[in-house]
Amino acid sequence: MLRIEDLHVQVGDRTILQGVNLHIRPGETHVLFGPNGSGKSTLLGAILGFSRYKITRGKIYFKDEDITHLSVHERAERGIGIAFQRPPVLRGVTLRDLLRISGQGNVVNIEELAEPLNLVDFLGRDVNYGFSGGETKRSEMLQLLVQNPDLVLLDEPESGVDLENIALIGQAINRLLQKDGLLGEERSRREMKEARKKAGLIITHTGYILDYVPADVGHVLYEGKLSCSGLNPRELLGCIHKLGYGECTRCLA
């Protein structure tokens, strides 16, 4: 689904990523930990192709196609979607209008998708204007559900939201990653994992989202490089709590 090879990324005059290698297969959900300023959001921005992230070396492949130099909209059209950590407010654009655009011709019932996220009453409002932190994050998840991407990128989905909203966001993420997007909540985590065909990459600081979303592989991004790759996300989180980011490679011993 996603293959990143020796990726070096520069923002302004500063090199942020220094030789990142990452392979995410269909059906897998990966979790990315790391301290502030380590390059986690830079990695997502580079995958999406935002212009401020300049790739100076390396390649990004999506479904075996080299997308390193494609535009943002070309990547989105191929099936990459993102939920931002701090989404912008869009005055003059209603959430319903944005969802119609995000659907790219997909036949969806917007109200039906919005109802479990408690967003039906928000469809006529300007995007994120006056929204709380939890409402904004739920709005991001609704946009992804309508877009229905094959690769889901999530930048700190639990940041700035309360436990009730984290639960709703977790349910939406699971729905996104299902084979048909319609599996019931009664399904076990093992069944949900086996049903997946899409892939996800989740950035998290706290790890709270792991209580709601079953993830397969964990990584630490530290000083622009991936370390501790391939570990169980919960075990890796425990190691970070115990030793810190700089020493977590000792968990591999």
Protein backbone atom coordinates (compact mmCIF):
# COMPACT_ATOMS: atom_id res chain seq x y z
CA MET A 1 0.00 0.00 0.00
CA LEU A 2 2.74 2.45 1.01
CA ARG A 3 6.50 2.09 0.54
CA ILE A 4 8.92 4.82 1.56
CA GLU A 5 12.59 4.44 0.70
CA ASP A 6 15.46 6.53 2.13
CA LEU A 7 13.28 9.62 2.47
CA HIS A 8 15.02 12.91 3.23
CA VAL A 9 12.80 15.96 3.68
CA GLN A 10 13.72 19.60 4.16
CA VAL A 11 11.52 22.39 5.54
CA GLY A 12 12.99 25.80 4.81
CA ASP A 13 16.71 25.53 5.45
CA ARG A 14 16.39 22.66 7.93
CA THR A 15 16.55 18.95 7.13
CA ILE A 16 13.84 17.21 9.18
CA LEU A 17 13.70 13.61 7.91
CA GLN A 18 16.98 11.80 7.38
CA GLY A 19 16.60 8.49 5.61
CA VAL A 20 13.15 7.19 6.61
CA ASN A 21 12.18 3.72 5.38
CA LEU A 22 8.62 2.50 5.92
CA HIS A 23 6.51 -0.29 4.43
CA ILE A 24 2.77 -0.54 5.17
CA ARG A 25 0.88 -3.46 3.64
CA PRO A 26 -2.83 -3.54 2.83
CA GLY A 27 -4.82 -4.30 5.96
CA GLU A 28 -2.17 -2.99 8.35
CA THR A 29 -2.45 -0.11 10.79
CA HIS A 30 0.83 1.42 11.92
CA VAL A 31 1.36 3.76 14.85
CA LEU A 32 4.05 6.44 14.94
CA PHE A 33 5.37 7.76 18.25
CA GLY A 34 7.96 10.47 18.77
CA PRO A 35 8.75 13.66 20.69
CA ASN A 36 7.67 17.10 19.48
CA GLY A 37 9.78 18.29 16.57
CA SER A 38 10.94 14.83 15.55
CA GLY A 39 9.30 15.02 12.11
CA LYS A 40 6.06 13.08 12.52
CA SER A 41 3.80 15.67 10.90
CA THR A 42 6.52 16.34 8.32
CA LEU A 43 6.33 12.69 7.28
CA LEU A 44 2.57 12.90 6.74
CA GLY A 45 2.96 16.18 4.85
CA ALA A 46 5.56 14.62 2.58
CA ILE A 47 3.34 11.61 1.89
CA LEU A 48 0.53 14.00 0.88
CA GLY A 49 2.87 16.17 -1.20
CA PHE A 50 2.45 19.54 0.51
CA SER A 51 4.78 22.06 -1.11
CA ARG A 52 6.51 23.24 2.07
CA TYR A 53 8.00 19.76 2.52
CA LYS A 54 10.81 19.46 0.01
CA ILE A 55 11.96 15.91 -0.75
CA THR A 56 15.71 16.07 -1.33
CA ARG A 57 16.30 12.32 -1.57
CA GLY A 58 14.32 9.10 -1.59
CA LYS A 59 11.06 7.81 -3.05
CA ILE A 60 7.42 7.39 -2.00
CA TYR A 61 5.40 4.60 -3.61
CA PHE A 62 1.64 4.15 -3.26
CA LYS A 63 0.17 0.91 -4.61
CA ASP A 64 3.50 0.36 -6.39
CA GLU A 65 3.29 3.72 -8.21
CA ASP A 66 5.99 6.32 -7.68
CA ILE A 67 4.09 9.35 -6.33
CA THR A 68 7.15 11.29 -5.13
CA HIS A 69 6.49 14.22 -7.45
CA LEU A 70 2.70 14.07 -7.83
CA SER A 71 0.53 16.97 -6.67
CA VAL A 72 -1.64 16.84 -3.55
CA HIS A 73 -4.88 16.41 -5.48
CA GLU A 74 -3.40 13.62 -7.61
CA ARG A 75 -2.47 11.72 -4.46
CA ALA A 76 -5.91 12.29 -2.98
CA GLU A 77 -7.55 11.05 -6.18
CA ARG A 78 -5.47 7.86 -5.97
CA GLY A 79 -6.81 7.13 -2.50
CA ILE A 80 -4.80 8.90 0.23
CA GLY A 81 -6.68 10.81 2.92
CA ILE A 82 -5.66 12.70 6.04
CA ALA A 83 -7.18 13.99 9.26
CA PHE A 84 -5.17 17.00 10.40
CA GLN A 85 -4.08 17.73 13.94
CA ARG A 86 -5.21 21.36 13.63
CA PRO A 87 -7.67 21.69 10.74
CA PRO A 88 -8.44 25.17 9.42
CA VAL A 89 -11.71 27.06 9.72
CA LEU A 90 -13.40 27.56 6.33
CA ARG A 91 -15.77 30.54 6.45
CA GLY A 92 -18.41 30.57 3.74
CA VAL A 93 -18.16 26.82 3.07
CA THR A 94 -20.65 24.58 4.82
CA LEU A 95 -19.67 21.15 6.04
CA ARG A 96 -22.26 19.62 3.73
CA ASP A 97 -20.76 21.37 0.69
CA LEU A 98 -17.25 20.23 1.63
CA LEU A 99 -18.47 16.66 2.05
CA ARG A 100 -20.05 16.71 -1.40
CA ILE A 101 -16.70 17.79 -2.83
CA SER A 102 -14.76 15.27 -0.72
CA GLY A 103 -16.88 12.40 -2.00
CA GLN A 104 -15.32 12.64 -5.49
CA GLY A 105 -18.44 11.09 -6.97
CA ASN A 106 -18.85 8.38 -4.31
CA VAL A 107 -22.49 7.49 -3.71
CA VAL A 108 -22.92 8.10 0.02
CA ASN A 109 -25.65 9.16 2.41
CA ILE A 110 -24.09 12.11 4.22
CA GLU A 111 -26.72 12.21 6.96
CA GLU A 112 -26.30 8.49 7.62
CA LEU A 113 -22.53 8.88 8.02
CA ALA A 114 -22.89 12.01 10.14
CA GLU A 115 -25.41 10.54 12.60
CA PRO A 116 -23.04 8.23 14.57
CA LEU A 117 -20.62 11.16 14.92
CA ASN A 118 -23.38 13.46 16.21
CA LEU A 119 -22.78 15.88 13.34
CA VAL A 120 -26.13 16.01 11.54
CA ASP A 121 -26.90 19.41 13.07
CA PHE A 122 -23.49 20.70 11.95
CA LEU A 123 -23.91 20.00 8.23
CA GLY A 124 -25.28 23.47 7.49
CA ARG A 125 -22.59 25.28 9.48
CA ASP A 126 -19.31 26.69 8.16
CA VAL A 127 -16.54 24.13 8.38
CA ASN A 128 -15.04 24.09 11.90
CA TYR A 129 -16.30 27.64 12.66
CA GLY A 130 -17.17 27.72 16.36
CA PHE A 131 -16.53 23.97 16.67
CA SER A 132 -15.02 22.57 19.86
CA GLY A 133 -11.88 20.44 19.68
CA GLY A 134 -13.90 17.24 19.69
CA GLU A 135 -16.39 18.53 17.11
CA THR A 136 -13.53 19.55 14.81
CA LYS A 137 -11.92 16.11 15.05
CA ARG A 138 -15.26 14.42 14.39
CA SER A 139 -15.71 16.69 11.37
CA GLU A 140 -12.34 15.50 10.06
CA MET A 141 -13.38 11.87 10.50
CA LEU A 142 -16.66 12.48 8.66
CA GLN A 143 -14.77 13.98 5.73
CA LEU A 144 -12.57 10.88 5.57
CA LEU A 145 -15.58 8.56 5.73
CA VAL A 146 -17.09 10.36 2.74
CA GLN A 147 -13.78 10.37 0.84
CA ASN A 148 -13.28 6.68 1.66
CA PRO A 149 -9.50 6.56 1.02
CA ASP A 150 -7.42 3.39 0.84
CA LEU A 151 -4.63 4.88 2.97
CA VAL A 152 -5.75 6.78 6.07
CA LEU A 153 -3.29 9.22 7.70
CA LEU A 154 -4.25 10.46 11.17
CA ASP A 155 -2.27 13.19 12.92
CA GLU A 156 -2.95 12.89 16.67
CA PRO A 157 -6.67 12.07 16.40
CA GLU A 158 -7.13 12.17 20.20
CA SER A 159 -5.38 15.52 20.72
CA GLY A 160 -7.51 18.12 22.48
CA VAL A 161 -10.62 15.95 22.86
CA ASP A 162 -12.32 14.34 25.86
CA LEU A 163 -12.77 10.61 26.43
CA GLU A 164 -16.29 10.53 24.98
CA ASN A 165 -15.09 12.10 21.74
CA ILE A 166 -12.08 9.77 21.59
CA ALA A 167 -14.49 6.84 21.69
CA LEU A 168 -16.53 8.27 18.78
CA ILE A 169 -13.36 9.00 16.81
CA GLY A 170 -12.05 5.49 17.49
CA GLN A 171 -15.29 3.99 16.19
CA ALA A 172 -15.04 6.12 13.04
CA ILE A 173 -11.42 5.06 12.46
CA ASN A 174 -12.40 1.39 12.78
CA ARG A 175 -15.22 1.92 10.33
CA LEU A 176 -12.80 3.56 7.89
CA LEU A 177 -10.42 0.62 8.05
CA GLN A 178 -13.01 -2.10 7.51
CA LYS A 179 -13.41 -4.01 4.30
CA ASP A 180 -16.89 -2.64 3.65
CA GLY A 181 -16.96 0.15 6.22
CA LEU A 182 -20.11 -1.23 7.81
CA LEU A 183 -19.03 -3.80 10.39
CA GLY A 184 -20.96 -3.66 13.65
CA GLU A 185 -19.48 -2.63 16.96
CA GLU A 186 -20.02 -6.13 18.32
CA ARG A 187 -17.25 -7.50 16.13
CA SER A 188 -14.12 -8.60 17.95
CA ARG A 189 -10.81 -6.84 17.36
CA ARG A 190 -9.47 -9.97 15.69
CA GLU A 191 -12.41 -10.05 13.28
CA MET A 192 -11.96 -6.36 12.51
CA LYS A 193 -8.27 -6.83 11.79
CA GLU A 194 -8.93 -9.79 9.49
CA ALA A 195 -11.64 -7.85 7.62
CA ARG A 196 -9.39 -4.96 6.71
CA LYS A 197 -8.07 -4.26 3.26
CA LYS A 198 -7.20 -0.61 3.79
CA ALA A 199 -4.18 0.73 5.63
CA GLY A 200 -3.63 3.36 8.28
CA LEU A 201 -0.80 5.42 9.77
CA ILE A 202 -1.62 7.05 13.11
CA ILE A 203 0.49 9.61 14.95
CA THR A 204 -0.11 9.65 18.70
CA HIS A 205 1.61 11.14 21.75
CA THR A 206 -0.55 9.69 24.49
CA GLY A 207 -1.48 6.33 23.02
CA TYR A 208 -5.10 6.76 24.18
CA ILE A 209 -6.39 5.97 20.70
CA LEU A 210 -4.96 2.44 21.05
CA ASP A 211 -7.74 1.71 23.55
CA TYR A 212 -10.22 2.02 20.67
CA VAL A 213 -8.29 1.15 17.51
CA PRO A 214 -6.46 -2.19 17.14
CA ALA A 215 -3.05 -1.43 15.61
CA ASP A 216 -0.49 -3.84 14.21
CA VAL A 217 2.93 -2.20 14.08
CA GLY A 218 4.60 0.56 16.08
CA HIS A 219 7.51 2.86 15.25
CA VAL A 220 9.39 5.66 16.96
CA LEU A 221 10.53 8.67 14.94
CA TYR A 222 13.46 10.22 16.76
CA GLU A 223 15.77 12.91 15.43
CA GLY A 224 14.47 12.44 11.89
CA LYS A 225 14.93 8.67 11.74
CA LEU A 226 12.73 5.66 12.46
CA SER A 227 13.81 3.46 15.35
CA CYS A 228 12.24 0.49 17.15
CA SER A 229 10.29 -0.31 13.97
CA GLY A 230 8.13 -3.41 13.87
CA LEU A 231 7.22 -3.72 17.55
CA ASN A 232 3.79 -4.25 19.04
CA PRO A 233 2.42 -0.69 19.54
CA ARG A 234 1.33 -1.24 23.15
CA GLU A 235 4.63 -2.84 24.12
CA LEU A 236 6.47 0.00 22.43
CA LEU A 237 4.39 2.59 24.29
CA GLY A 238 5.23 0.89 27.58
CA CYS A 239 8.90 0.96 26.67
CA ILE A 240 8.70 4.69 25.89
CA HIS A 241 7.08 5.34 29.26
CA LYS A 242 9.82 3.38 30.98
CA LEU A 243 12.94 4.49 29.11
CA GLY A 244 12.00 7.54 27.04
CA TYR A 245 12.31 8.02 23.30
CA GLY A 246 16.09 8.22 23.21
CA GLU A 247 16.61 4.88 24.96
CA CYS A 248 13.67 2.84 23.68
CA THR A 249 15.92 0.88 21.29
CA ARG A 250 17.01 -1.05 24.38
CA CYS A 251 13.61 -2.76 24.23
CA LEU A 252 14.88 -4.67 21.20
CA ALA A 253 17.57 -6.38 23.25
